[in-house]
Protein backbone atom coordinates (compact mmCIF):
# COMPACT_ATOMS: atom_id res chain seq x y z
CA MET A 1 -95.74 23.14 7.19
CA THR A 2 -96.02 23.53 10.69
CA MET A 3 -93.82 21.40 13.66
CA GLY A 4 -90.73 21.06 10.46
CA HIS A 5 -93.57 17.97 8.08
CA ASP A 6 -93.70 18.53 4.78
CA ASN A 7 -97.41 17.19 4.81
CA GLY A 8 -98.66 17.86 1.11
CA ALA A 9 -102.81 18.62 2.28
CA GLU A 10 -101.06 21.19 4.93
CA ILE A 11 -99.19 23.15 2.24
CA ALA A 12 -102.39 22.78 0.52
CA VAL A 13 -104.40 23.88 3.32
CA ASP A 14 -101.83 27.21 4.06
CA ARG A 15 -102.15 27.74 0.03
CA ALA A 16 -105.88 28.53 0.42
CA LEU A 17 -105.97 30.36 3.73
CA SER A 18 -103.68 32.68 2.65
CA ALA A 19 -105.30 32.64 -0.66
CA LEU A 20 -108.32 34.20 1.32
CA ARG A 21 -106.64 36.53 3.41
CA ASP A 22 -105.02 38.31 0.09
CA ALA A 23 -108.02 38.44 -1.46
CA PRO A 24 -111.69 39.54 1.02
CA PRO A 25 -115.12 38.58 -0.24
CA PRO A 26 -116.76 41.42 -1.98
CA LEU A 27 -119.32 43.56 -0.33
CA PRO A 28 -123.24 41.97 -0.57
CA PRO A 29 -124.38 44.95 -3.55
CA GLY A 30 -126.24 47.87 -1.97
CA LEU A 31 -124.34 47.59 1.41
CA HIS A 32 -121.64 49.67 0.46
CA ALA A 33 -123.73 52.67 -0.65
CA ALA A 34 -126.50 51.87 2.46
CA VAL A 35 -123.57 52.31 4.44
CA LEU A 36 -122.42 55.36 2.90
CA ARG A 37 -125.73 56.96 2.82
CA ASP A 38 -126.54 56.20 6.68
CA ALA A 39 -123.22 58.23 7.83
CA ASP A 40 -123.67 61.30 5.62
CA ALA A 41 -127.16 61.30 7.70
CA VAL A 42 -125.67 60.97 10.27
CA GLN A 43 -122.65 63.15 10.01
CA ALA A 44 -125.19 65.67 8.73
CA GLY A 45 -126.90 66.49 12.19
CA PHE A 46 -123.15 67.30 13.86
CA ALA A 47 -122.55 70.14 10.85
CA ARG A 48 -123.41 73.54 12.07
CA PRO A 49 -121.78 75.83 8.99
CA GLY A 50 -121.21 79.79 10.60
CA ARG A 51 -121.06 78.36 14.42
CA VAL A 52 -117.73 77.76 15.58
CA ALA A 53 -116.23 78.18 19.40
CA ALA A 54 -113.95 80.38 20.14
CA PRO A 55 -110.95 79.65 21.32
CA ALA A 56 -110.51 80.17 25.15
CA PRO A 57 -107.99 82.72 26.21
CA PHE A 58 -104.65 81.47 27.09
CA TRP A 59 -103.87 83.41 30.32
CA PRO A 60 -107.14 83.42 32.09
CA THR A 61 -107.49 79.47 31.77
CA LEU A 62 -103.71 79.17 32.54
CA TRP A 63 -104.67 81.29 35.69
CA ALA A 64 -107.49 79.36 36.99
CA ALA A 65 -105.26 75.91 36.50
CA LEU A 66 -102.87 77.23 38.35
CA GLY A 67 -105.52 77.58 41.25
CA GLY A 68 -107.21 81.07 40.78
CA GLY A 69 -104.92 83.56 43.43
CA LEU A 70 -104.73 80.95 45.82
CA GLY A 71 -102.42 79.00 43.56
CA GLY A 72 -100.83 82.02 42.04
CA THR A 73 -99.63 83.33 45.27
CA ALA A 74 -98.71 80.24 46.77
CA LEU A 75 -96.48 79.55 42.89
CA ALA A 76 -95.06 83.45 43.26
CA GLY A 77 -93.56 82.75 46.96
CA ALA A 78 -92.52 79.23 46.78
CA ALA A 79 -90.47 81.13 43.38
CA VAL A 80 -89.74 83.82 44.96
CA ALA A 81 -88.49 81.70 48.53
CA GLY A 82 -86.37 79.35 45.98
CA ILE A 83 -84.57 81.86 44.51
CA VAL A 84 -83.87 84.12 47.90
CA ILE A 85 -82.32 80.71 48.72
CA GLY A 86 -79.74 80.05 45.69
CA LEU A 87 -78.85 83.06 46.40
CA ALA A 88 -78.09 83.40 50.11
CA GLY A 89 -76.91 80.18 50.11
CA THR A 90 -76.80 78.09 53.49
CA GLY A 91 -75.05 80.73 55.34
CA PRO A 92 -78.08 82.85 56.92
CA ILE A 93 -80.32 79.58 57.77
CA ALA A 94 -77.47 78.28 60.36
CA THR A 95 -77.56 82.00 61.62
CA LEU A 96 -81.28 81.51 62.07
CA VAL A 97 -81.46 78.23 63.41
CA GLY A 98 -79.10 80.06 66.12
CA SER A 99 -77.85 77.83 68.62
CA ALA A 100 -79.24 74.63 67.52
CA THR A 101 -76.73 71.75 66.44
CA ALA A 102 -76.84 68.92 64.32
CA VAL A 103 -77.51 66.95 66.73
CA GLU A 104 -80.65 68.30 68.34
CA THR A 105 -81.90 69.09 64.16
CA GLY A 106 -80.33 65.43 62.85
CA ASP A 107 -83.81 63.83 63.47
CA LEU A 108 -85.73 66.51 62.39
CA PHE A 109 -83.79 67.90 59.02
CA GLY A 110 -82.03 64.67 58.46
CA GLY A 111 -80.05 65.76 54.66
CA TYR A 112 -79.82 69.22 56.77
CA ALA A 113 -78.48 67.68 59.32
CA VAL A 114 -74.48 68.85 57.59
CA ILE A 115 -75.90 72.62 56.68
CA LEU A 116 -77.16 72.84 60.49
CA GLU A 117 -73.93 72.80 62.65
CA GLU A 118 -72.37 75.69 63.86
CA GLY A 119 -68.85 76.57 62.89
């Protein structure tokens, strides 16, 4: 039935292939049992009854993932800086910069030029 033809031979082939797809051929005698025996033998080599690995402790694992003391310190410093900047607003930044104007710092701090303007 490909390409719109009503050819009887094509229909017969399609039906035969469909029947083969629906009913796969049976396994040779003894093959299924041999595969299961082999799988049991392989699986027996992996089993270690009574020996279950303890789960890794959460906090030491997290501390190691952060990079230990150096990474934890950097993360804490960034968090504190974010909180201070968030609470203080942008006014203290302009005070810290002092006499610098947006023209002087515009190239260095592209998007922050508006914040650093005096006045």
